[in-house]
Amino acid sequence: MRLRIAIIVFAVLVPVSGQAAKAEQARFAHPVKVSSQVLLRTGSFTLDNLLPASAPVALRQEAAKIPLGKSPQPGSSRVFYRQQMQFLLRGHASLLAELQLPREIVVRRFHRPVTREEIVRAIQKALGRQGVEVKVPLDVQSLHLSVPVYVTSGDPGLQVLRIASDPIRHETEFTLWTSKEPENLPFVATLQRALKIPTLVARRRIPAGEIVSSSDFAVEMRPAGQHRAAPSISEANLAGLEARAGVRAGQPVSPDLFKRPILVRPGALATLIVQGSAFSIKTIVDPLEQGVLGQEIRVRNAETRQVVEAKVVGRDRLLKTM
């Protein structure tokens, strides 16, 4: 009985193993031709990217586990020679046996030029944030680029970083950057029109150290002289701030010209309000640090000499909640 079972198993296994052996021989008898010209659309790639679409699924899966490094920069190429590939695959002898390597493999990165239409849309968006209403459409053909710009995606995230207008040369320069492809350097697009944008200027001379109010400023339409492409500031944004240095009358202003004023200083006694759910106590304290509005600083009680932390809420006034 055991002999019959053994004979049956042998009869079944021989054809199966024979078919497997033939299939294995067929794999190596017809190796997959590796492409000699490869166009990549990703930042890094594996051996799988070098195989043709007709390559067997099992081979692709194995090849996908073998990294080959970063893709070349747009506009450049990377060359793999046959001996180099054989060295890289020295630990994958069975896989290498299934491949037919060309003498050299040229790998390129997909790229395309940034279009003028894309740049115009980015400029119009930036001008809209500045509150500029462009009554005459921007002429795409009048836009000149400082250098050709190449990207690898449909949406490179164009951003306008800076706007500078020259009324004498009758042109406006826009510094742009591909934010979604940060490896690219900023570039300049020049428009043959001198645009004006709303600009916040000082109504009067403001001495250094003076705290300003909204009435100290006015909005005028002026050429954009090295203007950051950010939402324009308003008078309300600067009210209550202190001038870092003197500001001339008519001078365009920006937030970096001002700072939050120091409301509490060491050596000048201040009032501390200690507030709880059912009580409020005022006491005199000696600030140990200077502080601006909303800042937590250390103060010393003038009578008990106890040191606590309290929040600056006004000129020489602090608050501590219990």
Protein backbone atom coordinates (compact mmCIF):
# COMPACT_ATOMS: atom_id res chain seq x y z
CA MET A 1 0.00 0.00 0.00
CA ARG A 2 2.80 2.41 0.94
CA LEU A 3 4.57 1.55 -2.29
CA ARG A 4 1.47 2.47 -4.33
CA ILE A 5 1.18 5.84 -2.54
CA ALA A 6 4.84 6.58 -3.14
CA ILE A 7 4.48 5.75 -6.83
CA ILE A 8 1.39 8.01 -7.14
CA VAL A 9 3.12 10.92 -5.37
CA PHE A 10 6.18 10.49 -7.55
CA ALA A 11 3.99 10.41 -10.66
CA VAL A 12 2.30 13.66 -9.59
CA LEU A 13 5.45 15.50 -8.48
CA VAL A 14 7.59 14.68 -11.48
CA PRO A 15 5.41 16.57 -13.98
CA VAL A 16 4.97 19.49 -11.57
CA SER A 17 8.67 19.79 -10.79
CA GLY A 18 9.41 19.36 -14.46
CA GLN A 19 7.11 22.25 -15.35
CA ALA A 20 8.67 24.42 -12.66
CA ALA A 21 12.12 23.66 -13.98
CA LYS A 22 11.02 24.54 -17.53
CA ALA A 23 9.48 27.79 -16.28
CA GLU A 24 12.70 28.59 -14.41
CA GLN A 25 14.73 27.88 -17.54
CA ALA A 26 12.38 30.05 -19.60
CA ARG A 27 12.92 32.98 -17.20
CA PHE A 28 16.65 32.91 -17.73
CA ALA A 29 16.42 31.98 -21.45
CA HIS A 30 14.49 35.20 -22.20
CA PRO A 31 15.97 37.93 -20.00
CA VAL A 32 14.15 41.27 -19.69
CA LYS A 33 15.78 44.08 -21.64
CA VAL A 34 16.58 47.03 -19.38
CA SER A 35 15.76 50.39 -21.00
CA SER A 36 18.73 52.43 -22.18
CA GLN A 37 16.80 55.73 -21.95
CA VAL A 38 14.75 56.36 -18.79
CA LEU A 39 12.60 59.39 -17.92
CA LEU A 40 11.86 59.70 -14.19
CA ARG A 41 9.04 61.60 -12.51
CA THR A 42 10.10 61.07 -8.89
CA GLY A 43 12.86 62.48 -6.69
CA SER A 44 14.46 59.05 -6.16
CA PHE A 45 14.23 55.77 -8.02
CA THR A 46 14.74 52.02 -7.81
CA LEU A 47 15.73 49.30 -10.28
CA ASP A 48 12.05 48.88 -11.06
CA ASN A 49 12.07 52.29 -12.82
CA LEU A 50 14.55 50.94 -15.38
CA LEU A 51 12.39 47.99 -16.42
CA PRO A 52 9.96 48.05 -19.37
CA ALA A 53 6.20 47.91 -18.76
CA SER A 54 6.16 44.32 -20.07
CA ALA A 55 8.43 43.05 -17.26
CA PRO A 56 6.88 40.27 -15.11
CA VAL A 57 5.16 41.43 -11.92
CA ALA A 58 7.34 39.22 -9.70
CA LEU A 59 10.49 40.71 -11.22
CA ARG A 60 9.17 44.25 -10.76
CA GLN A 61 8.39 43.61 -7.12
CA GLU A 62 11.89 42.34 -6.47
CA ALA A 63 13.48 45.20 -8.44
CA ALA A 64 11.44 47.78 -6.50
CA LYS A 65 13.35 46.80 -3.36
CA ILE A 66 16.70 47.87 -4.84
CA PRO A 67 17.29 51.66 -4.50
CA LEU A 68 19.50 53.42 -7.04
CA GLY A 69 19.68 56.88 -5.44
CA LYS A 70 18.31 60.33 -6.19
CA SER A 71 17.02 61.37 -9.57
CA PRO A 72 19.15 63.87 -11.50
CA GLN A 73 18.26 67.55 -11.39
CA PRO A 74 15.90 68.83 -14.10
CA GLY A 75 17.84 69.46 -17.30
CA SER A 76 20.69 67.09 -16.35
CA SER A 77 21.19 63.34 -16.72
CA ARG A 78 22.84 60.44 -14.95
CA VAL A 79 24.54 57.54 -16.76
CA PHE A 80 24.83 53.97 -15.48
CA TYR A 81 27.29 51.72 -17.34
CA ARG A 82 26.83 47.96 -17.61
CA GLN A 83 29.79 47.18 -15.34
CA GLN A 84 28.46 49.66 -12.77
CA MET A 85 25.03 48.01 -12.76
CA GLN A 86 26.59 44.57 -12.42
CA PHE A 87 28.51 45.81 -9.40
CA LEU A 88 25.39 47.37 -7.84
CA LEU A 89 23.49 44.08 -8.30
CA ARG A 90 26.32 41.81 -7.15
CA GLY A 91 24.22 40.71 -4.18
CA HIS A 92 21.25 39.80 -6.41
CA ALA A 93 22.73 37.18 -8.74
CA SER A 94 19.42 35.51 -9.61
CA LEU A 95 17.78 38.82 -10.46
CA LEU A 96 20.78 39.95 -12.50
CA ALA A 97 20.56 36.72 -14.51
CA GLU A 98 17.05 37.72 -15.61
CA LEU A 99 18.18 41.09 -16.98
CA GLN A 100 19.74 42.06 -20.28
CA LEU A 101 21.75 45.18 -19.54
CA PRO A 102 22.59 47.68 -22.30
CA ARG A 103 26.07 49.15 -22.56
CA GLU A 104 24.85 52.28 -20.77
CA ILE A 105 21.61 53.55 -19.24
CA VAL A 106 20.88 57.28 -19.45
CA VAL A 107 18.52 58.48 -16.70
CA ARG A 108 16.82 61.87 -17.02
CA ARG A 109 14.33 63.73 -14.82
CA PHE A 110 11.07 64.89 -16.33
CA HIS A 111 10.91 68.67 -16.40
CA ARG A 112 9.08 71.47 -18.10
CA PRO A 113 9.55 75.25 -18.29
CA VAL A 114 7.46 77.52 -16.11
CA THR A 115 5.05 79.31 -18.44
CA ARG A 116 4.44 83.04 -18.57
CA GLU A 117 0.75 82.37 -17.95
CA GLU A 118 1.61 80.70 -14.62
CA ILE A 119 3.80 83.64 -13.65
CA VAL A 120 1.09 86.17 -14.53
CA ARG A 121 -1.43 84.29 -12.38
CA ALA A 122 0.99 84.30 -9.43
CA ILE A 123 1.63 88.04 -9.91
CA GLN A 124 -2.07 88.86 -10.09
CA LYS A 125 -2.68 86.87 -6.92
CA ALA A 126 0.12 88.74 -5.11
CA LEU A 127 -1.16 92.12 -6.31
CA GLY A 128 -4.65 91.19 -5.11
CA ARG A 129 -3.26 90.60 -1.62
CA GLN A 130 -1.73 94.08 -1.78
CA GLY A 131 -5.10 95.58 -2.65
CA VAL A 132 -4.01 96.53 -6.19
CA GLU A 133 -6.73 96.58 -8.81
CA VAL A 134 -5.10 96.03 -12.21
CA LYS A 135 -7.52 97.69 -14.63
CA VAL A 136 -5.49 96.78 -17.72
CA PRO A 137 -4.74 93.01 -17.98
CA LEU A 138 -1.06 92.11 -17.64
CA ASP A 139 0.46 91.42 -21.04
CA VAL A 140 1.99 87.95 -21.03
CA GLN A 141 4.33 88.81 -23.91
CA SER A 142 5.73 91.86 -22.11
CA LEU A 143 6.97 89.66 -19.27
CA HIS A 144 10.69 88.85 -19.37
CA LEU A 145 12.44 86.20 -17.24
CA SER A 146 15.96 86.58 -15.85
CA VAL A 147 16.69 82.86 -16.45
CA PRO A 148 14.76 79.87 -17.81
CA VAL A 149 13.00 78.11 -14.94
CA TYR A 150 12.25 74.38 -15.03
CA VAL A 151 9.98 72.43 -12.71
CA THR A 152 9.01 68.78 -12.37
CA SER A 153 5.34 69.08 -11.41
CA GLY A 154 2.09 70.58 -12.63
CA ASP A 155 1.87 72.98 -9.70
CA PRO A 156 5.29 74.20 -8.47
CA GLY A 157 3.66 76.56 -5.93
CA LEU A 158 4.78 79.84 -7.48
CA GLN A 159 5.05 82.64 -4.91
CA VAL A 160 5.93 86.31 -5.37
CA LEU A 161 8.53 87.22 -2.74
CA ARG A 162 9.23 90.84 -3.63
CA ILE A 163 7.91 93.61 -5.87
CA ALA A 164 10.04 96.55 -7.05
CA SER A 165 8.74 99.25 -9.42
CA ASP A 166 10.94 101.64 -11.41
CA PRO A 167 8.87 104.58 -12.78
CA ILE A 168 11.88 105.97 -14.70
CA ARG A 169 12.49 102.75 -16.66
CA HIS A 170 8.73 102.15 -16.67
CA GLU A 171 8.96 98.56 -15.45
CA THR A 172 8.20 96.43 -12.42
CA GLU A 173 10.32 93.54 -11.17
CA PHE A 174 8.79 90.54 -9.41
CA THR A 175 10.99 88.09 -7.52
CA LEU A 176 9.34 84.65 -7.59
CA TRP A 177 10.07 81.25 -6.10
CA THR A 178 8.77 77.71 -6.65
CA SER A 179 7.76 76.95 -3.06
CA LYS A 180 6.82 73.30 -3.77
CA GLU A 181 10.22 72.71 -5.38
CA PRO A 182 12.44 74.59 -2.89
CA GLU A 183 15.69 73.40 -4.47
CA ASN A 184 15.11 75.96 -7.25
CA LEU A 185 16.57 79.42 -6.68
CA PRO A 186 14.33 82.52 -6.78
CA PHE A 187 14.12 84.21 -10.18
CA VAL A 188 13.06 87.61 -11.48
CA ALA A 189 10.25 88.38 -13.92
CA THR A 190 10.17 91.92 -15.32
CA LEU A 191 6.95 93.53 -16.51
CA GLN A 192 7.13 96.46 -18.90
CA ARG A 193 4.80 98.55 -16.72
CA ALA A 194 5.46 100.67 -13.64
CA LEU A 195 2.78 99.52 -11.22
CA LYS A 196 1.76 101.39 -8.08
CA ILE A 197 0.56 99.69 -4.93
CA PRO A 198 -1.06 100.99 -1.72
CA THR A 199 1.76 102.02 0.59
CA LEU A 200 1.53 103.00 4.26
CA VAL A 201 3.56 106.18 4.92
CA ALA A 202 4.22 108.41 7.94
CA ARG A 203 2.13 111.60 8.01
CA ARG A 204 4.76 113.37 10.13
CA ARG A 205 8.24 112.98 11.52
CA ILE A 206 8.27 110.34 14.27
CA PRO A 207 11.20 110.52 16.74
CA ALA A 208 12.83 107.33 17.99
CA GLY A 209 11.16 105.94 21.09
CA GLU A 210 7.82 107.62 20.48
CA ILE A 211 4.65 105.53 20.74
CA VAL A 212 2.56 106.01 17.61
CA SER A 213 -1.17 106.04 16.91
CA SER A 214 -3.18 105.20 13.79
CA SER A 215 -3.51 108.92 12.94
CA ASP A 216 0.27 109.09 12.38
CA PHE A 217 -0.05 107.15 9.11
CA ALA A 218 -1.77 107.38 5.72
CA VAL A 219 -2.11 105.12 2.67
CA GLU A 220 -0.80 106.42 -0.68
CA MET A 221 -0.47 104.81 -4.12
CA ARG A 222 3.26 104.61 -4.79
CA PRO A 223 5.68 102.62 -6.94
CA ALA A 224 6.69 99.40 -5.18
CA GLY A 225 10.26 100.02 -4.08
CA GLN A 226 11.65 96.67 -2.89
CA HIS A 227 8.27 95.86 -1.38
CA ARG A 228 7.64 92.49 0.21
CA ALA A 229 4.77 90.64 -1.44
CA ALA A 230 2.74 90.18 1.73
CA PRO A 231 -0.69 91.44 2.77
CA SER A 232 -0.37 95.21 3.26
CA ILE A 233 -0.31 96.48 6.82
CA SER A 234 -2.80 99.03 8.13
CA GLU A 235 -2.60 101.94 10.54
CA ALA A 236 -4.25 99.77 13.19
CA ASN A 237 -1.39 97.24 12.98
CA LEU A 238 1.10 99.89 14.17
CA ALA A 239 -0.99 101.78 16.71
CA GLY A 240 0.49 101.53 20.21
CA LEU A 241 3.97 100.49 19.02
CA GLU A 242 7.23 102.33 19.67
CA ALA A 243 9.51 103.63 16.91
CA ARG A 244 12.86 101.83 16.90
CA ALA A 245 14.51 104.79 15.12
CA GLY A 246 13.44 108.12 13.68
CA VAL A 247 10.97 108.00 10.78
CA ARG A 248 10.77 110.81 8.21
CA ALA A 249 7.51 112.40 7.14
CA GLY A 250 6.28 110.63 3.99
CA GLN A 251 8.57 107.64 4.55
CA PRO A 252 7.03 104.22 3.72
CA VAL A 253 6.78 102.20 6.91
CA SER A 254 6.82 98.50 7.78
CA PRO A 255 6.37 96.58 11.03
CA ASP A 256 10.12 96.07 11.48
CA LEU A 257 10.52 99.85 12.06
CA PHE A 258 8.55 99.53 15.29
CA LYS A 259 8.50 97.41 18.42
CA ARG A 260 6.26 96.80 21.37
CA PRO A 261 7.03 99.46 24.02
CA ILE A 262 8.57 98.49 27.35
CA LEU A 263 5.85 99.17 29.92
CA VAL A 264 7.62 97.93 33.05
CA ARG A 265 11.27 98.54 33.94
CA PRO A 266 13.54 97.53 36.83
CA GLY A 267 14.01 100.37 39.31
CA ALA A 268 10.55 101.85 38.63
CA LEU A 269 7.94 100.69 41.14
CA ALA A 270 4.81 99.11 39.66
CA THR A 271 1.36 98.09 40.82
CA LEU A 272 0.61 94.39 41.09
CA ILE A 273 -3.00 93.20 41.15
CA VAL A 274 -3.41 89.76 42.71
CA GLN A 275 -6.78 88.44 41.60
CA GLY A 276 -8.70 85.37 42.74
CA SER A 277 -12.23 84.06 42.32
CA ALA A 278 -13.54 86.14 45.24
CA PHE A 279 -10.88 88.76 45.92
CA SER A 280 -8.58 91.35 44.36
CA ILE A 281 -5.53 92.81 46.14
CA LYS A 282 -3.28 95.66 45.02
CA THR A 283 0.29 95.89 46.18
CA ILE A 284 3.48 97.73 45.23
CA VAL A 285 6.26 95.66 43.64
CA ASP A 286 9.75 96.19 42.33
CA PRO A 287 10.15 94.70 38.80
CA LEU A 288 13.26 92.56 38.46
CA GLU A 289 12.99 92.49 34.64
CA GLN A 290 11.70 94.79 31.95
CA GLY A 291 8.53 93.71 30.16
CA VAL A 292 6.24 94.46 27.23
CA LEU A 293 2.48 94.03 27.09
CA GLY A 294 1.45 90.43 27.83
CA GLN A 295 4.91 89.30 28.94
CA GLU A 296 5.46 87.32 32.17
CA ILE A 297 8.23 88.82 34.35
CA ARG A 298 9.56 88.41 37.90
CA VAL A 299 8.69 91.06 40.49
CA ARG A 300 9.53 91.46 44.22
CA ASN A 301 6.95 92.52 46.79
CA ALA A 302 8.17 95.82 48.31
CA GLU A 303 7.10 94.79 51.83
CA THR A 304 7.45 90.98 52.10
CA ARG A 305 10.37 90.75 49.62
CA GLN A 306 8.66 87.70 48.11
CA VAL A 307 9.44 87.11 44.39
CA VAL A 308 6.58 86.09 42.08
CA GLU A 309 5.86 86.05 38.35
CA ALA A 310 3.17 88.33 36.93
CA LYS A 311 1.88 89.44 33.53
CA VAL A 312 2.37 92.97 32.21
CA VAL A 313 -1.08 94.49 31.53
CA GLY A 314 -0.26 98.19 31.21
CA ARG A 315 2.17 100.98 32.00
CA ASP A 316 3.69 100.01 35.38
CA ARG A 317 0.82 97.58 35.96
CA LEU A 318 0.93 93.79 36.37
CA LEU A 319 -1.59 91.04 37.04
CA LYS A 320 -1.29 87.72 38.82
CA THR A 321 -4.27 85.35 38.93
CA MET A 322 -4.64 82.80 41.69
